[in-house]
């Protein structure tokens, strides 16, 4: 899987692939070379998932800040009258 394919994965698809790889590795039925390749892919998928989660967290924080400002402004305006 190249970087473009990896970056086009949704969080849910990346997580599902990561879980599949972990199960394969934990089973112990995978050849060493395949295990190394799977591990490398798992690391990339983990990083992608973490990046997508961080981006989502930042979006939520931005929304929260906007909402807090709007509520504070509305609260102040209500007390002015």
PDB file of N, CA and C in Angstrom:
ATOM      1  N   UNK A   1       0.852  -1.169   0.000  1.00  0.00           N
ATOM      2  CA  UNK A   1       0.000   0.000   0.000  1.00  0.00           C
ATOM      3  C   UNK A   1       0.900   1.234   0.000  1.00  0.00           C
ATOM      4  N   UNK A   2       0.692   2.104  -0.988  1.00  0.00           N
ATOM      5  CA  UNK A   2       1.515   3.312  -1.032  1.00  0.00           C
ATOM      6  C   UNK A   2       0.898   4.414  -0.172  1.00  0.00           C
ATOM      7  N   UNK A   3       1.623   5.519  -0.055  1.00  0.00           N
ATOM      8  CA  UNK A   3       1.177   6.603   0.824  1.00  0.00           C
ATOM      9  C   UNK A   3      -0.147   7.212   0.388  1.00  0.00           C
ATOM     10  N   UNK A   4      -0.371   7.335  -0.920  1.00  0.00           N
ATOM     11  CA  UNK A   4      -1.640   7.903  -1.396  1.00  0.00           C
ATOM     12  C   UNK A   4      -2.812   7.021  -0.990  1.00  0.00           C
ATOM     13  N   UNK A   5      -2.665   5.718  -1.175  1.00  0.00           N
ATOM     14  CA  UNK A   5      -3.737   4.790  -0.786  1.00  0.00           C
ATOM     15  C   UNK A   5      -3.970   4.853   0.720  1.00  0.00           C
ATOM     16  N   UNK A   6      -2.890   4.913   1.457  1.00  0.00           N
ATOM     17  CA  UNK A   6      -2.982   4.972   2.916  1.00  0.00           C
ATOM     18  C   UNK A   6      -3.699   6.251   3.358  1.00  0.00           C
ATOM     19  N   UNK A   7      -3.303   7.380   2.794  1.00  0.00           N
ATOM     20  CA  UNK A   7      -3.886   8.662   3.195  1.00  0.00           C
ATOM     21  C   UNK A   7      -5.346   8.805   2.791  1.00  0.00           C
ATOM     22  N   UNK A   8      -5.788   8.024   1.807  1.00  0.00           N
ATOM     23  CA  UNK A   8      -7.180   8.078   1.372  1.00  0.00           C
ATOM     24  C   UNK A   8      -8.105   7.203   2.209  1.00  0.00           C
ATOM     25  N   UNK A   9      -7.543   6.441   3.132  1.00  0.00           N
ATOM     26  CA  UNK A   9      -8.363   5.593   3.994  1.00  0.00           C
ATOM     27  C   UNK A   9      -9.097   6.429   5.027  1.00  0.00           C
ATOM     28  N   UNK A  10     -10.307   6.049   5.317  1.00  0.00           N
ATOM     29  CA  UNK A  10     -11.020   6.672   6.425  1.00  0.00           C
ATOM     30  C   UNK A  10     -10.422   6.137   7.726  1.00  0.00           C
ATOM     31  N   UNK A  11     -10.727   6.812   8.808  1.00  0.00           N
ATOM     32  CA  UNK A  11     -10.265   6.344  10.119  1.00  0.00           C
ATOM     33  C   UNK A  11     -10.761   4.922  10.367  1.00  0.00           C
ATOM     34  N   UNK A  12     -12.034   4.696  10.074  1.00  0.00           N
ATOM     35  CA  UNK A  12     -12.640   3.389  10.351  1.00  0.00           C
ATOM     36  C   UNK A  12     -11.992   2.288   9.523  1.00  0.00           C
ATOM     37  N   UNK A  13     -11.705   2.563   8.241  1.00  0.00           N
ATOM     38  CA  UNK A  13     -11.056   1.553   7.398  1.00  0.00           C
ATOM     39  C   UNK A  13      -9.629   1.281   7.857  1.00  0.00           C
ATOM     40  N   UNK A  14      -8.915   2.343   8.225  1.00  0.00           N
ATOM     41  CA  UNK A  14      -7.541   2.171   8.702  1.00  0.00           C
ATOM     42  C   UNK A  14      -7.520   1.365   9.997  1.00  0.00           C
ATOM     43  N   UNK A  15      -8.449   1.663  10.891  1.00  0.00           N
ATOM     44  CA  UNK A  15      -8.519   0.934  12.157  1.00  0.00           C
ATOM     45  C   UNK A  15      -8.872  -0.540  11.920  1.00  0.00           C
ATOM     46  N   UNK A  16      -9.790  -0.799  11.008  1.00  0.00           N
ATOM     47  CA  UNK A  16     -10.160  -2.187  10.703  1.00  0.00           C
ATOM     48  C   UNK A  16      -8.963  -2.951  10.144  1.00  0.00           C
ATOM     49  N   UNK A  17      -8.209  -2.317   9.251  1.00  0.00           N
ATOM     50  CA  UNK A  17      -7.017  -2.982   8.703  1.00  0.00           C
ATOM     51  C   UNK A  17      -5.978  -3.219   9.802  1.00  0.00           C
ATOM     52  N   UNK A  18      -5.817  -2.244  10.658  1.00  0.00           N
ATOM     53  CA  UNK A  18      -4.868  -2.383  11.760  1.00  0.00           C
ATOM     54  C   UNK A  18      -5.263  -3.543  12.676  1.00  0.00           C
ATOM     55  N   UNK A  19      -6.535  -3.639  12.998  1.00  0.00           N
ATOM     56  CA  UNK A  19      -7.012  -4.736  13.848  1.00  0.00           C
ATOM     57  C   UNK A  19      -6.787  -6.091  13.182  1.00  0.00           C
ATOM     58  N   UNK A  20      -6.986  -6.157  11.876  1.00  0.00           N
ATOM     59  CA  UNK A  20      -6.760  -7.407  11.142  1.00  0.00           C
ATOM     60  C   UNK A  20      -5.292  -7.809  11.216  1.00  0.00           C
ATOM     61  N   UNK A  21      -4.420  -6.849  11.008  1.00  0.00           N
ATOM     62  CA  UNK A  21      -2.981  -7.133  11.058  1.00  0.00           C
ATOM     63  C   UNK A  21      -2.581  -7.606  12.451  1.00  0.00           C
ATOM     64  N   UNK A  22      -3.095  -6.948  13.470  1.00  0.00           N
ATOM     65  CA  UNK A  22      -2.761  -7.345  14.848  1.00  0.00           C
ATOM     66  C   UNK A  22      -3.198  -8.788  15.102  1.00  0.00           C
ATOM     67  N   UNK A  23      -4.405  -9.134  14.655  1.00  0.00           N
ATOM     68  CA  UNK A  23      -4.872 -10.525  14.834  1.00  0.00           C
ATOM     69  C   UNK A  23      -3.964 -11.511  14.113  1.00  0.00           C
ATOM     70  N   UNK A  24      -3.544 -11.168  12.885  1.00  0.00           N
ATOM     71  CA  UNK A  24      -2.652 -12.047  12.126  1.00  0.00           C
ATOM     72  C   UNK A  24      -1.314 -12.222  12.850  1.00  0.00           C
ATOM     73  N   UNK A  25      -0.781 -11.118  13.336  1.00  0.00           N
ATOM     74  CA  UNK A  25       0.504 -11.191  14.030  1.00  0.00           C
ATOM     75  C   UNK A  25       0.387 -11.979  15.331  1.00  0.00           C
ATOM     76  N   UNK A  26      -0.706 -11.770  16.046  1.00  0.00           N
ATOM     77  CA  UNK A  26      -0.907 -12.483  17.308  1.00  0.00           C
ATOM     78  C   UNK A  26      -1.131 -13.970  17.101  1.00  0.00           C
ATOM     79  N   UNK A  27      -1.622 -14.348  15.932  1.00  0.00           N
ATOM     80  CA  UNK A  27      -1.888 -15.769  15.676  1.00  0.00           C
ATOM     81  C   UNK A  27      -0.603 -16.579  15.578  1.00  0.00           C
ATOM     82  N   UNK A  28       0.482 -15.909  15.192  1.00  0.00           N
ATOM     83  CA  UNK A  28       1.756 -16.611  15.058  1.00  0.00           C
ATOM     84  C   UNK A  28       1.844 -17.499  13.835  1.00  0.00           C
ATOM     85  N   UNK A  29       0.878 -17.432  12.960  1.00  0.00           N
ATOM     86  CA  UNK A  29       0.862 -18.294  11.771  1.00  0.00           C
ATOM     87  C   UNK A  29       1.333 -17.558  10.518  1.00  0.00           C
ATOM     88  N   UNK A  30       2.048 -16.484  10.698  1.00  0.00           N
ATOM     89  CA  UNK A  30       2.506 -15.689   9.564  1.00  0.00           C
ATOM     90  C   UNK A  30       4.027 -15.817   9.461  1.00  0.00           C
ATOM     91  N   UNK A  31       4.530 -15.940   8.234  1.00  0.00           N
ATOM     92  CA  UNK A  31       5.975 -16.082   8.019  1.00  0.00           C
ATOM     93  C   UNK A  31       6.690 -14.808   8.453  1.00  0.00           C
ATOM     94  N   UNK A  32       7.939 -14.953   8.819  1.00  0.00           N
ATOM     95  CA  UNK A  32       8.715 -13.849   9.369  1.00  0.00           C
ATOM     96  C   UNK A  32       8.744 -12.643   8.438  1.00  0.00           C
ATOM     97  N   UNK A  33       9.069 -12.858   7.167  1.00  0.00           N
ATOM     98  CA  UNK A  33       9.127 -11.733   6.228  1.00  0.00           C
ATOM     99  C   UNK A  33       7.769 -11.052   6.092  1.00  0.00           C
ATOM    100  N   UNK A  34       6.710 -11.861   6.062  1.00  0.00           N
ATOM    101  CA  UNK A  34       5.358 -11.308   5.982  1.00  0.00           C
ATOM    102  C   UNK A  34       5.001 -10.566   7.269  1.00  0.00           C
ATOM    103  N   UNK A  35       5.476 -11.080   8.382  1.00  0.00           N
ATOM    104  CA  UNK A  35       5.219 -10.436   9.669  1.00  0.00           C
ATOM    105  C   UNK A  35       5.899  -9.073   9.734  1.00  0.00           C
ATOM    106  N   UNK A  36       7.100  -8.979   9.218  1.00  0.00           N
ATOM    107  CA  UNK A  36       7.808  -7.703   9.220  1.00  0.00           C
ATOM    108  C   UNK A  36       7.082  -6.692   8.335  1.00  0.00           C
ATOM    109  N   UNK A  37       6.665  -7.124   7.155  1.00  0.00           N
ATOM    110  CA  UNK A  37       5.924  -6.239   6.255  1.00  0.00           C
ATOM    111  C   UNK A  37       4.593  -5.815   6.884  1.00  0.00           C
ATOM    112  N   UNK A  38       3.928  -6.750   7.527  1.00  0.00           N
ATOM    113  CA  UNK A  38       2.653  -6.445   8.187  1.00  0.00           C
ATOM    114  C   UNK A  38       2.875  -5.456   9.331  1.00  0.00           C
ATOM    115  N   UNK A  39       3.957  -5.644  10.073  1.00  0.00           N
ATOM    116  CA  UNK A  39       4.266  -4.737  11.180  1.00  0.00           C
ATOM    117  C   UNK A  39       4.517  -3.326  10.663  1.00  0.00           C
ATOM    118  N   UNK A  40       5.262  -3.219   9.561  1.00  0.00           N
ATOM    119  CA  UNK A  40       5.524  -1.903   8.976  1.00  0.00           C
ATOM    120  C   UNK A  40       4.219  -1.226   8.561  1.00  0.00           C
ATOM    121  N   UNK A  41       3.325  -1.995   7.961  1.00  0.00           N
ATOM    122  CA  UNK A  41       2.031  -1.448   7.556  1.00  0.00           C
ATOM    123  C   UNK A  41       1.219  -1.051   8.785  1.00  0.00           C
ATOM    124  N   UNK A  42       1.286  -1.855   9.822  1.00  0.00           N
ATOM    125  CA  UNK A  42       0.557  -1.560  11.055  1.00  0.00           C
ATOM    126  C   UNK A  42       1.038  -0.252  11.679  1.00  0.00           C
ATOM    127  N   UNK A  43       2.331  -0.012  11.653  1.00  0.00           N
ATOM    128  CA  UNK A  43       2.873   1.231  12.190  1.00  0.00           C
ATOM    129  C   UNK A  43       2.330   2.421  11.409  1.00  0.00           C
ATOM    130  N   UNK A  44       2.318   2.305  10.074  1.00  0.00           N
ATOM    131  CA  UNK A  44       1.793   3.390   9.240  1.00  0.00           C
ATOM    132  C   UNK A  44       0.299   3.606   9.501  1.00  0.00           C
ATOM    133  N   UNK A  45      -0.456   2.521   9.652  1.00  0.00           N
ATOM    134  CA  UNK A  45      -1.881   2.639   9.938  1.00  0.00           C
ATOM    135  C   UNK A  45      -2.124   3.272  11.307  1.00  0.00           C
ATOM    136  N   UNK A  46      -1.325   2.893  12.282  1.00  0.00           N
ATOM    137  CA  UNK A  46      -1.436   3.474  13.626  1.00  0.00           C
ATOM    138  C   UNK A  46      -1.185   4.968  13.576  1.00  0.00           C
ATOM    139  N   UNK A  47      -0.153   5.377  12.861  1.00  0.00           N
ATOM    140  CA  UNK A  47       0.162   6.799  12.741  1.00  0.00           C
ATOM    141  C   UNK A  47      -0.971   7.555  12.046  1.00  0.00           C
ATOM    142  N   UNK A  48      -1.546   6.939  11.019  1.00  0.00           N
ATOM    143  CA  UNK A  48      -2.667   7.553  10.310  1.00  0.00           C
ATOM    144  C   UNK A  48      -3.860   7.722  11.240  1.00  0.00           C
ATOM    145  N   UNK A  49      -4.178   6.687  11.994  1.00  0.00           N
ATOM    146  CA  UNK A  49      -5.300   6.759  12.936  1.00  0.00           C
ATOM    147  C   UNK A  49      -5.067   7.847  13.974  1.00  0.00           C
ATOM    148  N   UNK A  50      -3.866   7.906  14.512  1.00  0.00           N
ATOM    149  CA  UNK A  50      -3.556   8.931  15.507  1.00  0.00           C
ATOM    150  C   UNK A  50      -3.679  10.328  14.910  1.00  0.00           C
ATOM    151  N   UNK A  51      -3.227  10.489  13.679  1.00  0.00           N
ATOM    152  CA  UNK A  51      -3.308  11.784  13.003  1.00  0.00           C
ATOM    153  C   UNK A  51      -4.759  12.200  12.779  1.00  0.00           C
ATOM    154  N   UNK A  52      -5.578  11.256  12.340  1.00  0.00           N
ATOM    155  CA  UNK A  52      -6.992  11.558  12.109  1.00  0.00           C
ATOM    156  C   UNK A  52      -7.710  11.864  13.426  1.00  0.00           C
ATOM    157  N   UNK A  53      -7.379  11.160  14.479  1.00  0.00           N
ATOM    158  CA  UNK A  53      -7.979  11.446  15.782  1.00  0.00           C
ATOM    159  C   UNK A  53      -7.571  12.829  16.285  1.00  0.00           C
ATOM    160  N   UNK A  54      -6.306  13.185  16.104  1.00  0.00           N
ATOM    161  CA  UNK A  54      -5.822  14.501  16.533  1.00  0.00           C
ATOM    162  C   UNK A  54      -6.533  15.597  15.749  1.00  0.00           C
ATOM    163  N   UNK A  55      -6.705  15.405  14.444  1.00  0.00           N
ATOM    164  CA  UNK A  55      -7.404  16.395  13.621  1.00  0.00           C
ATOM    165  C   UNK A  55      -8.852  16.550  14.079  1.00  0.00           C
ATOM    166  N   UNK A  56      -9.487  15.441  14.389  1.00  0.00           N
ATOM    167  CA  UNK A  56     -10.871  15.493  14.872  1.00  0.00           C
ATOM    168  C   UNK A  56     -10.935  16.216  16.216  1.00  0.00           C
ATOM    169  N   UNK A  57      -9.989  15.949  17.089  1.00  0.00           N
ATOM    170  CA  UNK A  57      -9.950  16.603  18.396  1.00  0.00           C
ATOM    171  C   UNK A  57      -9.794  18.114  18.235  1.00  0.00           C
ATOM    172  N   UNK A  58      -8.925  18.543  17.330  1.00  0.00           N
ATOM    173  CA  UNK A  58      -8.718  19.970  17.107  1.00  0.00           C
ATOM    174  C   UNK A  58      -9.977  20.635  16.557  1.00  0.00           C
ATOM    175  N   UNK A  59     -10.683  19.943  15.671  1.00  0.00           N
ATOM    176  CA  UNK A  59     -11.938  20.477  15.136  1.00  0.00           C
ATOM    177  C   UNK A  59     -12.968  20.643  16.249  1.00  0.00           C
ATOM    178  N   UNK A  60     -13.060  19.655  17.108  1.00  0.00           N
ATOM    179  CA  UNK A  60     -14.018  19.716  18.224  1.00  0.00           C
ATOM    180  C   UNK A  60     -13.664  20.862  19.161  1.00  0.00           C
ATOM    181  N   UNK A  61     -12.383  21.028  19.458  1.00  0.00           N
ATOM    182  CA  UNK A  61     -11.962  22.125  20.325  1.00  0.00           C
ATOM    183  C   UNK A  61     -12.295  23.473  19.699  1.00  0.00           C
ATOM    184  N   UNK A  62     -12.118  23.590  18.390  1.00  0.00           N
ATOM    185  CA  UNK A  62     -12.437  24.832  17.688  1.00  0.00           C
ATOM    186  C   UNK A  62     -13.941  25.113  17.761  1.00  0.00           C
ATOM    187  N   UNK A  63     -14.741  24.089  17.567  1.00  0.00           N
ATOM    188  CA  UNK A  63     -16.199  24.236  17.663  1.00  0.00           C
ATOM    189  C   UNK A  63     -16.595  24.635  19.079  1.00  0.00           C
ATOM    190  N   UNK A  64     -15.991  23.993  20.073  1.00  0.00           N
ATOM    191  CA  UNK A  64     -16.283  24.311  21.476  1.00  0.00           C
ATOM    192  C   UNK A  64     -15.966  25.774  21.791  1.00  0.00           C
ATOM    193  N   UNK A  65     -14.842  26.260  21.282  1.00  0.00           N
ATOM    194  CA  UNK A  65     -14.462  27.651  21.533  1.00  0.00           C
ATOM    195  C   UNK A  65     -15.466  28.604  20.910  1.00  0.00           C
ATOM    196  N   UNK A  66     -15.894  28.309  19.677  1.00  0.00           N
ATOM    197  CA  UNK A  66     -16.889  29.153  19.015  1.00  0.00           C
ATOM    198  C   UNK A  66     -18.201  29.135  19.788  1.00  0.00           C
ATOM    199  N   UNK A  67     -18.605  27.975  20.226  1.00  0.00           N
ATOM    200  CA  UNK A  67     -19.854  27.843  20.970  1.00  0.00           C
ATOM    201  C   UNK A  67     -19.774  28.592  22.293  1.00  0.00           C
ATOM    202  N   UNK A  68     -18.656  28.476  22.977  1.00  0.00           N
ATOM    203  CA  UNK A  68     -18.478  29.165  24.254  1.00  0.00           C
ATOM    204  C   UNK A  68     -18.531  30.677  24.060  1.00  0.00           C
ATOM    205  N   UNK A  69     -17.888  31.178  23.003  1.00  0.00           N
ATOM    206  CA  UNK A  69     -17.938  32.617  22.728  1.00  0.00           C
ATOM    207  C   UNK A  69     -19.367  33.052  22.428  1.00  0.00           C
ATOM    208  N   UNK A  70     -20.091  32.266  21.645  1.00  0.00           N
ATOM    209  CA  UNK A  70     -21.467  32.607  21.295  1.00  0.00           C
ATOM    210  C   UNK A  70     -22.360  32.614  22.531  1.00  0.00           C
ATOM    211  N   UNK A  71     -22.193  31.620  23.389  1.00  0.00           N
ATOM    212  CA  UNK A  71     -22.994  31.542  24.607  1.00  0.00           C
ATOM    213  C   UNK A  71     -22.647  32.703  25.536  1.00  0.00           C
ATOM    214  N   UNK A  72     -21.370  33.009  25.669  1.00  0.00           N
ATOM    215  CA  UNK A  72     -20.948  34.117  26.527  1.00  0.00           C
ATOM    216  C   UNK A  72     -21.500  35.433  26.015  1.00  0.00           C
ATOM    217  N   UNK A  73     -21.442  35.643  24.716  1.00  0.00           N
ATOM    218  CA  UNK A  73     -21.951  36.866  24.111  1.00  0.00           C
ATOM    219  C   UNK A  73     -23.459  36.978  24.348  1.00  0.00           C
ATOM    220  N   UNK A  74     -24.176  35.896  24.116  1.00  0.00           N
ATOM    221  CA  UNK A  74     -25.622  35.887  24.323  1.00  0.00           C
ATOM    222  C   UNK A  74     -25.950  36.139  25.783  1.00  0.00           C
ATOM    223  N   UNK A  75     -25.195  35.554  26.671  1.00  0.00           N
ATOM    224  CA  UNK A  75     -25.393  35.744  28.109  1.00  0.00           C
ATOM    225  C   UNK A  75     -25.177  37.211  28.496  1.00  0.00           C
ATOM    226  N   UNK A  76     -24.115  37.809  27.977  1.00  0.00           N
ATOM    227  CA  UNK A  76     -23.832  39.218  28.267  1.00  0.00           C
ATOM    228  C   UNK A  76     -24.923  40.121  27.717  1.00  0.00           C
ATOM    229  N   UNK A  77     -25.359  39.841  26.497  1.00  0.00           N
ATOM    230  CA  UNK A  77     -26.425  40.661  25.881  1.00  0.00           C
ATOM    231  C   UNK A  77     -27.727  40.565  26.674  1.00  0.00           C
ATOM    232  N   UNK A  78     -28.020  39.408  27.220  1.00  0.00           N
ATOM    233  CA  UNK A  78     -29.254  39.217  27.985  1.00  0.00           C
ATOM    234  C   UNK A  78     -29.239  40.049  29.257  1.00  0.00           C
ATOM    235  N   UNK A  79     -28.055  40.240  29.838  1.00  0.00           N
ATOM    236  CA  UNK A  79     -27.944  41.004  31.081  1.00  0.00           C
ATOM    237  C   UNK A  79     -27.876  42.507  30.856  1.00  0.00           C
ATOM    238  N   UNK A  80     -27.657  42.929  29.606  1.00  0.00           N
ATOM    239  CA  UNK A  80     -27.593  44.356  29.284  1.00  0.00           C
ATOM    240  C   UNK A  80     -28.985  44.989  29.269  1.00  0.00           C
ATOM    241  N   UNK A  81     -29.991  44.213  28.964  1.00  0.00           N
ATOM    242  CA  UNK A  81     -31.336  44.772  28.815  1.00  0.00           C
ATOM    243  C   UNK A  81     -32.127  44.752  30.082  1.00  0.00           C
TER     244      UNK A  81
END
